[in-house]
Amino acid sequence: NDDVRQEVFVMQLLRLLERAFPAPLWLRPYAILSTGPRSGLIEFSPNTQSLHALKKLPRFGSLEEHFLDHYGDASSPRG
């Protein structure tokens, strides 16, 4: 029951904040075209896996564990 128009607003806000406050963290806003309150088109992000696909992995425990396994914590060189 998500309102796609809210997603459009959030992406516009991210673009505005990115220009106003450059930071070391890079977020990639994606294109969204709202075609109605509960419908729209959302840009596909290449080289990504869906949460559904991650949950099918035999070793998947939680999203937090996945990020720690792949990227380390904040004190690691990858964090």
PDB file of N, CA and C in Angstrom:
ATOM      1  N   ASN A   1       0.807  -1.203   0.000  1.00  0.00           N
ATOM      2  CA  ASN A   1       0.000   0.000   0.000  1.00  0.00           C
ATOM      3  C   ASN A   1       0.846   1.261   0.000  1.00  0.00           C
ATOM      4  N   ASP A   2       2.079   1.158  -0.470  1.00  0.00           N
ATOM      5  CA  ASP A   2       2.922   2.349  -0.519  1.00  0.00           C
ATOM      6  C   ASP A   2       2.413   3.308  -1.575  1.00  0.00           C
ATOM      7  N   ASP A   3       2.491   4.570  -1.248  1.00  0.00           N
ATOM      8  CA  ASP A   3       2.136   5.613  -2.198  1.00  0.00           C
ATOM      9  C   ASP A   3       3.406   5.964  -2.966  1.00  0.00           C
ATOM     10  N   VAL A   4       3.435   5.666  -4.246  1.00  0.00           N
ATOM     11  CA  VAL A   4       4.638   5.886  -5.063  1.00  0.00           C
ATOM     12  C   VAL A   4       5.015   7.359  -5.079  1.00  0.00           C
ATOM     13  N   ARG A   5       4.042   8.242  -4.904  1.00  0.00           N
ATOM     14  CA  ARG A   5       4.347   9.677  -4.880  1.00  0.00           C
ATOM     15  C   ARG A   5       5.258  10.022  -3.704  1.00  0.00           C
ATOM     16  N   GLN A   6       5.143   9.285  -2.599  1.00  0.00           N
ATOM     17  CA  GLN A   6       6.047   9.505  -1.468  1.00  0.00           C
ATOM     18  C   GLN A   6       7.476   9.125  -1.847  1.00  0.00           C
ATOM     19  N   GLU A   7       7.622   8.061  -2.618  1.00  0.00           N
ATOM     20  CA  GLU A   7       8.952   7.649  -3.085  1.00  0.00           C
ATOM     21  C   GLU A   7       9.560   8.723  -3.978  1.00  0.00           C
ATOM     22  N   VAL A   8       8.756   9.311  -4.839  1.00  0.00           N
ATOM     23  CA  VAL A   8       9.233  10.391  -5.706  1.00  0.00           C
ATOM     24  C   VAL A   8       9.725  11.555  -4.849  1.00  0.00           C
ATOM     25  N   PHE A   9       8.961  11.914  -3.836  1.00  0.00           N
ATOM     26  CA  PHE A   9       9.345  13.007  -2.943  1.00  0.00           C
ATOM     27  C   PHE A   9      10.669  12.707  -2.239  1.00  0.00           C
ATOM     28  N   VAL A  10      10.847  11.500  -1.743  1.00  0.00           N
ATOM     29  CA  VAL A  10      12.077  11.130  -1.042  1.00  0.00           C
ATOM     30  C   VAL A  10      13.277  11.228  -1.977  1.00  0.00           C
ATOM     31  N   MET A  11      13.138  10.779  -3.209  1.00  0.00           N
ATOM     32  CA  MET A  11      14.251  10.867  -4.159  1.00  0.00           C
ATOM     33  C   MET A  11      14.581  12.324  -4.474  1.00  0.00           C
ATOM     34  N   GLN A  12      13.564  13.170  -4.590  1.00  0.00           N
ATOM     35  CA  GLN A  12      13.808  14.594  -4.819  1.00  0.00           C
ATOM     36  C   GLN A  12      14.542  15.202  -3.627  1.00  0.00           C
ATOM     37  N   LEU A  13      14.140  14.807  -2.425  1.00  0.00           N
ATOM     38  CA  LEU A  13      14.791  15.294  -1.215  1.00  0.00           C
ATOM     39  C   LEU A  13      16.246  14.833  -1.150  1.00  0.00           C
ATOM     40  N   LEU A  14      16.523  13.576  -1.495  1.00  0.00           N
ATOM     41  CA  LEU A  14      17.909  13.088  -1.509  1.00  0.00           C
ATOM     42  C   LEU A  14      18.777  13.876  -2.480  1.00  0.00           C
ATOM     43  N   ARG A  15      18.236  14.158  -3.658  1.00  0.00           N
ATOM     44  CA  ARG A  15      19.006  14.937  -4.642  1.00  0.00           C
ATOM     45  C   ARG A  15      19.310  16.333  -4.114  1.00  0.00           C
ATOM     46  N   LEU A  16      18.329  16.955  -3.469  1.00  0.00           N
ATOM     47  CA  LEU A  16      18.515  18.286  -2.907  1.00  0.00           C
ATOM     48  C   LEU A  16      19.560  18.268  -1.797  1.00  0.00           C
ATOM     49  N   LEU A  17      19.474  17.308  -0.894  1.00  0.00           N
ATOM     50  CA  LEU A  17      20.434  17.211   0.201  1.00  0.00           C
ATOM     51  C   LEU A  17      21.834  16.898  -0.305  1.00  0.00           C
ATOM     52  N   GLU A  18      21.925  16.079  -1.344  1.00  0.00           N
ATOM     53  CA  GLU A  18      23.226  15.731  -1.919  1.00  0.00           C
ATOM     54  C   GLU A  18      23.932  16.984  -2.445  1.00  0.00           C
ATOM     55  N   ARG A  19      23.164  17.868  -3.074  1.00  0.00           N
ATOM     56  CA  ARG A  19      23.753  19.112  -3.595  1.00  0.00           C
ATOM     57  C   ARG A  19      24.095  20.078  -2.468  1.00  0.00           C
ATOM     58  N   ALA A  20      23.272  20.131  -1.443  1.00  0.00           N
ATOM     59  CA  ALA A  20      23.470  21.087  -0.359  1.00  0.00           C
ATOM     60  C   ALA A  20      24.560  20.655   0.612  1.00  0.00           C
ATOM     61  N   PHE A  21      24.663  19.367   0.889  1.00  0.00           N
ATOM     62  CA  PHE A  21      25.600  18.861   1.884  1.00  0.00           C
ATOM     63  C   PHE A  21      26.382  17.683   1.334  1.00  0.00           C
ATOM     64  N   PRO A  22      27.420  17.940   0.520  1.00  0.00           N
ATOM     65  CA  PRO A  22      28.219  16.823   0.023  1.00  0.00           C
ATOM     66  C   PRO A  22      28.836  16.064   1.201  1.00  0.00           C
ATOM     67  N   ALA A  23      28.778  14.765   1.135  1.00  0.00           N
ATOM     68  CA  ALA A  23      29.286  13.945   2.233  1.00  0.00           C
ATOM     69  C   ALA A  23      30.083  12.769   1.676  1.00  0.00           C
ATOM     70  N   PRO A  24      30.854  12.100   2.531  1.00  0.00           N
ATOM     71  CA  PRO A  24      31.614  10.951   2.048  1.00  0.00           C
ATOM     72  C   PRO A  24      30.727   9.769   1.652  1.00  0.00           C
ATOM     73  N   LEU A  25      29.507   9.745   2.171  1.00  0.00           N
ATOM     74  CA  LEU A  25      28.577   8.676   1.810  1.00  0.00           C
ATOM     75  C   LEU A  25      27.859   9.065   0.535  1.00  0.00           C
ATOM     76  N   TRP A  26      27.892   8.193  -0.463  1.00  0.00           N
ATOM     77  CA  TRP A  26      27.243   8.481  -1.731  1.00  0.00           C
ATOM     78  C   TRP A  26      25.985   7.636  -1.858  1.00  0.00           C
ATOM     79  N   LEU A  27      24.860   8.286  -2.009  1.00  0.00           N
ATOM     80  CA  LEU A  27      23.596   7.598  -2.235  1.00  0.00           C
ATOM     81  C   LEU A  27      23.201   7.841  -3.677  1.00  0.00           C
ATOM     82  N   ARG A  28      22.799   6.800  -4.359  1.00  0.00           N
ATOM     83  CA  ARG A  28      22.413   6.939  -5.748  1.00  0.00           C
ATOM     84  C   ARG A  28      20.893   7.048  -5.851  1.00  0.00           C
ATOM     85  N   PRO A  29      20.395   8.274  -6.033  1.00  0.00           N
ATOM     86  CA  PRO A  29      18.956   8.400  -6.259  1.00  0.00           C
ATOM     87  C   PRO A  29      18.582   7.722  -7.573  1.00  0.00           C
ATOM     88  N   TYR A  30      17.419   7.146  -7.612  1.00  0.00           N
ATOM     89  CA  TYR A  30      16.975   6.479  -8.831  1.00  0.00           C
ATOM     90  C   TYR A  30      15.693   7.122  -9.323  1.00  0.00           C
ATOM     91  N   ALA A  31      15.426   6.935 -10.597  1.00  0.00           N
ATOM     92  CA  ALA A  31      14.266   7.566 -11.225  1.00  0.00           C
ATOM     93  C   ALA A  31      12.985   6.835 -10.844  1.00  0.00           C
ATOM     94  N   ILE A  32      11.963   7.614 -10.544  1.00  0.00           N
ATOM     95  CA  ILE A  32      10.645   7.074 -10.238  1.00  0.00           C
ATOM     96  C   ILE A  32       9.620   7.895 -11.004  1.00  0.00           C
ATOM     97  N   LEU A  33       8.716   7.225 -11.666  1.00  0.00           N
ATOM     98  CA  LEU A  33       7.631   7.892 -12.371  1.00  0.00           C
ATOM     99  C   LEU A  33       6.322   7.415 -11.755  1.00  0.00           C
ATOM    100  N   SER A  34       5.667   8.316 -11.047  1.00  0.00           N
ATOM    101  CA  SER A  34       4.391   7.978 -10.425  1.00  0.00           C
ATOM    102  C   SER A  34       3.298   8.082 -11.490  1.00  0.00           C
ATOM    103  N   THR A  35       2.548   7.007 -11.642  1.00  0.00           N
ATOM    104  CA  THR A  35       1.448   7.017 -12.600  1.00  0.00           C
ATOM    105  C   THR A  35       0.096   7.053 -11.894  1.00  0.00           C
ATOM    106  N   GLY A  36       0.114   7.028 -10.570  1.00  0.00           N
ATOM    107  CA  GLY A  36      -1.100   7.078  -9.767  1.00  0.00           C
ATOM    108  C   GLY A  36      -0.739   6.936  -8.306  1.00  0.00           C
ATOM    109  N   PRO A  37      -1.704   7.048  -7.420  1.00  0.00           N
ATOM    110  CA  PRO A  37      -1.414   6.959  -5.985  1.00  0.00           C
ATOM    111  C   PRO A  37      -0.762   5.638  -5.577  1.00  0.00           C
ATOM    112  N   ARG A  38      -1.090   4.551  -6.248  1.00  0.00           N
ATOM    113  CA  ARG A  38      -0.559   3.240  -5.851  1.00  0.00           C
ATOM    114  C   ARG A  38       0.140   2.519  -7.003  1.00  0.00           C
ATOM    115  N   SER A  39       0.596   3.274  -7.989  1.00  0.00           N
ATOM    116  CA  SER A  39       1.260   2.637  -9.128  1.00  0.00           C
ATOM    117  C   SER A  39       2.340   3.565  -9.671  1.00  0.00           C
ATOM    118  N   GLY A  40       3.287   2.967 -10.353  1.00  0.00           N
ATOM    119  CA  GLY A  40       4.351   3.758 -10.949  1.00  0.00           C
ATOM    120  C   GLY A  40       5.456   2.866 -11.481  1.00  0.00           C
ATOM    121  N   LEU A  41       6.457   3.498 -12.048  1.00  0.00           N
ATOM    122  CA  LEU A  41       7.625   2.811 -12.590  1.00  0.00           C
ATOM    123  C   LEU A  41       8.841   3.240 -11.783  1.00  0.00           C
ATOM    124  N   ILE A  42       9.634   2.267 -11.350  1.00  0.00           N
ATOM    125  CA  ILE A  42      10.824   2.538 -10.558  1.00  0.00           C
ATOM    126  C   ILE A  42      12.028   2.007 -11.314  1.00  0.00           C
ATOM    127  N   GLU A  43      13.065   2.837 -11.438  1.00  0.00           N
ATOM    128  CA  GLU A  43      14.270   2.476 -12.180  1.00  0.00           C
ATOM    129  C   GLU A  43      14.936   1.251 -11.574  1.00  0.00           C
ATOM    130  N   PHE A  44      15.391   0.375 -12.415  1.00  0.00           N
ATOM    131  CA  PHE A  44      16.138  -0.812 -12.008  1.00  0.00           C
ATOM    132  C   PHE A  44      17.565  -0.400 -11.669  1.00  0.00           C
ATOM    133  N   SER A  45      18.097  -0.902 -10.579  1.00  0.00           N
ATOM    134  CA  SER A  45      19.480  -0.634 -10.196  1.00  0.00           C
ATOM    135  C   SER A  45      20.343  -1.824 -10.599  1.00  0.00           C
ATOM    136  N   PRO A  46      21.279  -1.635 -11.533  1.00  0.00           N
ATOM    137  CA  PRO A  46      22.112  -2.752 -11.987  1.00  0.00           C
ATOM    138  C   PRO A  46      23.067  -3.226 -10.898  1.00  0.00           C
ATOM    139  N   ASN A  47      23.535  -4.454 -11.018  1.00  0.00           N
ATOM    140  CA  ASN A  47      24.510  -5.061 -10.099  1.00  0.00           C
ATOM    141  C   ASN A  47      24.016  -5.093  -8.662  1.00  0.00           C
ATOM    142  N   THR A  48      22.745  -5.400  -8.483  1.00  0.00           N
ATOM    143  CA  THR A  48      22.174  -5.493  -7.143  1.00  0.00           C
ATOM    144  C   THR A  48      21.441  -6.813  -6.985  1.00  0.00           C
ATOM    145  N   GLN A  49      21.188  -7.167  -5.741  1.00  0.00           N
ATOM    146  CA  GLN A  49      20.390  -8.356  -5.437  1.00  0.00           C
ATOM    147  C   GLN A  49      19.198  -7.919  -4.616  1.00  0.00           C
ATOM    148  N   SER A  50      18.083  -8.515  -4.871  1.00  0.00           N
ATOM    149  CA  SER A  50      16.902  -8.197  -4.083  1.00  0.00           C
ATOM    150  C   SER A  50      17.013  -8.845  -2.711  1.00  0.00           C
ATOM    151  N   LEU A  51      16.281  -8.312  -1.768  1.00  0.00           N
ATOM    152  CA  LEU A  51      16.242  -8.911  -0.439  1.00  0.00           C
ATOM    153  C   LEU A  51      15.690 -10.327  -0.529  1.00  0.00           C
ATOM    154  N   HIS A  52      14.738 -10.538  -1.419  1.00  0.00           N
ATOM    155  CA  HIS A  52      14.169 -11.870  -1.616  1.00  0.00           C
ATOM    156  C   HIS A  52      15.260 -12.865  -2.036  1.00  0.00           C
ATOM    157  N   ALA A  53      16.137 -12.451  -2.970  1.00  0.00           N
ATOM    158  CA  ALA A  53      17.225 -13.327  -3.422  1.00  0.00           C
ATOM    159  C   ALA A  53      18.221 -13.582  -2.293  1.00  0.00           C
ATOM    160  N   LEU A  54      18.516 -12.555  -1.493  1.00  0.00           N
ATOM    161  CA  LEU A  54      19.435 -12.744  -0.371  1.00  0.00           C
ATOM    162  C   LEU A  54      18.880 -13.739   0.643  1.00  0.00           C
ATOM    163  N   LYS A  55      17.581 -13.648   0.905  1.00  0.00           N
ATOM    164  CA  LYS A  55      16.963 -14.546   1.886  1.00  0.00           C
ATOM    165  C   LYS A  55      16.993 -16.002   1.440  1.00  0.00           C
ATOM    166  N   LYS A  56      17.130 -16.248   0.145  1.00  0.00           N
ATOM    167  CA  LYS A  56      17.200 -17.611  -0.365  1.00  0.00           C
ATOM    168  C   LYS A  56      18.584 -18.232  -0.182  1.00  0.00           C
ATOM    169  N   LEU A  57      19.601 -17.413   0.109  1.00  0.00           N
ATOM    170  CA  LEU A  57      20.956 -17.932   0.293  1.00  0.00           C
ATOM    171  C   LEU A  57      20.992 -18.816   1.529  1.00  0.00           C
ATOM    172  N   PRO A  58      21.721 -19.942   1.464  1.00  0.00           N
ATOM    173  CA  PRO A  58      21.745 -20.866   2.594  1.00  0.00           C
ATOM    174  C   PRO A  58      22.283 -20.251   3.887  1.00  0.00           C
ATOM    175  N   ARG A  59      23.253 -19.349   3.783  1.00  0.00           N
ATOM    176  CA  ARG A  59      23.866 -18.778   4.985  1.00  0.00           C
ATOM    177  C   ARG A  59      23.212 -17.476   5.439  1.00  0.00           C
ATOM    178  N   PHE A  60      22.140 -17.050   4.814  1.00  0.00           N
ATOM    179  CA  PHE A  60      21.520 -15.772   5.165  1.00  0.00           C
ATOM    180  C   PHE A  60      20.837 -15.873   6.518  1.00  0.00           C
ATOM    181  N   GLY A  61      21.235 -14.986   7.450  1.00  0.00           N
ATOM    182  CA  GLY A  61      20.604 -14.948   8.766  1.00  0.00           C
ATOM    183  C   GLY A  61      19.742 -13.705   8.908  1.00  0.00           C
ATOM    184  N   SER A  62      20.378 -12.547   8.693  1.00  0.00           N
ATOM    185  CA  SER A  62      19.664 -11.276   8.757  1.00  0.00           C
ATOM    186  C   SER A  62      20.382 -10.292   7.833  1.00  0.00           C
ATOM    187  N   LEU A  63      19.734  -9.200   7.548  1.00  0.00           N
ATOM    188  CA  LEU A  63      20.349  -8.186   6.690  1.00  0.00           C
ATOM    189  C   LEU A  63      21.568  -7.571   7.388  1.00  0.00           C
ATOM    190  N   GLU A  64      21.464  -7.387   8.688  1.00  0.00           N
ATOM    191  CA  GLU A  64      22.600  -6.854   9.445  1.00  0.00           C
ATOM    192  C   GLU A  64      23.800  -7.800   9.347  1.00  0.00           C
ATOM    193  N   GLU A  65      23.591  -9.103   9.523  1.00  0.00           N
ATOM    194  CA  GLU A  65      24.680 -10.077   9.410  1.00  0.00           C
ATOM    195  C   GLU A  65      25.276 -10.064   8.006  1.00  0.00           C
ATOM    196  N   HIS A  66      24.440  -9.955   7.002  1.00  0.00           N
ATOM    197  CA  HIS A  66      24.919  -9.913   5.620  1.00  0.00           C
ATOM    198  C   HIS A  66      25.851  -8.721   5.407  1.00  0.00           C
ATOM    199  N   PHE A  67      25.454  -7.538   5.877  1.00  0.00           N
ATOM    200  CA  PHE A  67      26.285  -6.352   5.711  1.00  0.00           C
ATOM    201  C   PHE A  67      27.591  -6.486   6.479  1.00  0.00           C
ATOM    202  N   LEU A  68      27.538  -7.000   7.697  1.00  0.00           N
ATOM    203  CA  LEU A  68      28.764  -7.177   8.475  1.00  0.00           C
ATOM    204  C   LEU A  68      29.699  -8.184   7.822  1.00  0.00           C
ATOM    205  N   ASP A  69      29.150  -9.285   7.284  1.00  0.00           N
ATOM    206  CA  ASP A  69      29.970 -10.293   6.594  1.00  0.00           C
ATOM    207  C   ASP A  69      30.631  -9.729   5.341  1.00  0.00           C
ATOM    208  N   HIS A  70      29.900  -8.917   4.597  1.00  0.00           N
ATOM    209  CA  HIS A  70      30.410  -8.425   3.321  1.00  0.00           C
ATOM    210  C   HIS A  70      31.190  -7.118   3.413  1.00  0.00           C
ATOM    211  N   TYR A  71      30.842  -6.268   4.368  1.00  0.00           N
ATOM    212  CA  TYR A  71      31.450  -4.941   4.413  1.00  0.00           C
ATOM    213  C   TYR A  71      32.169  -4.638   5.723  1.00  0.00           C
ATOM    214  N   GLY A  72      32.019  -5.500   6.725  1.00  0.00           N
ATOM    215  CA  GLY A  72      32.651  -5.262   8.025  1.00  0.00           C
ATOM    216  C   GLY A  72      31.911  -4.199   8.822  1.00  0.00           C
ATOM    217  N   ASP A  73      32.365  -3.992  10.058  1.00  0.00           N
ATOM    218  CA  ASP A  73      31.727  -2.968  10.860  1.00  0.00           C
ATOM    219  C   ASP A  73      32.385  -1.610  10.592  1.00  0.00           C
ATOM    220  N   ALA A  74      31.951  -0.605  11.302  1.00  0.00           N
ATOM    221  CA  ALA A  74      32.417   0.766  11.050  1.00  0.00           C
ATOM    222  C   ALA A  74      33.915   0.927  11.273  1.00  0.00           C
ATOM    223  N   SER A  75      34.523   0.096  12.111  1.00  0.00           N
ATOM    224  CA  SER A  75      35.961   0.233  12.384  1.00  0.00           C
ATOM    225  C   SER A  75      36.833  -0.542  11.402  1.00  0.00           C
ATOM    226  N   SER A  76      36.236  -1.342  10.546  1.00  0.00           N
ATOM    227  CA  SER A  76      37.032  -2.135   9.595  1.00  0.00           C
ATOM    228  C   SER A  76      37.434  -1.275   8.393  1.00  0.00           C
ATOM    229  N   PRO A  77      38.468  -1.691   7.655  1.00  0.00           N
ATOM    230  CA  PRO A  77      38.881  -0.928   6.480  1.00  0.00           C
ATOM    231  C   PRO A  77      37.777  -0.832   5.421  1.00  0.00           C
ATOM    232  N   ARG A  78      36.887  -1.812   5.407  1.00  0.00           N
ATOM    233  CA  ARG A  78      35.798  -1.799   4.439  1.00  0.00           C
ATOM    234  C   ARG A  78      34.588  -1.036   4.957  1.00  0.00           C
ATOM    235  N   GLY A  79      34.565  -0.720   6.248  1.00  0.00           N
ATOM    236  CA  GLY A  79      33.406  -0.103   6.886  1.00  0.00           C
ATOM    237  C   GLY A  79      33.312   1.368   6.702  1.00  0.00           C
TER     238      GLY A  79
END
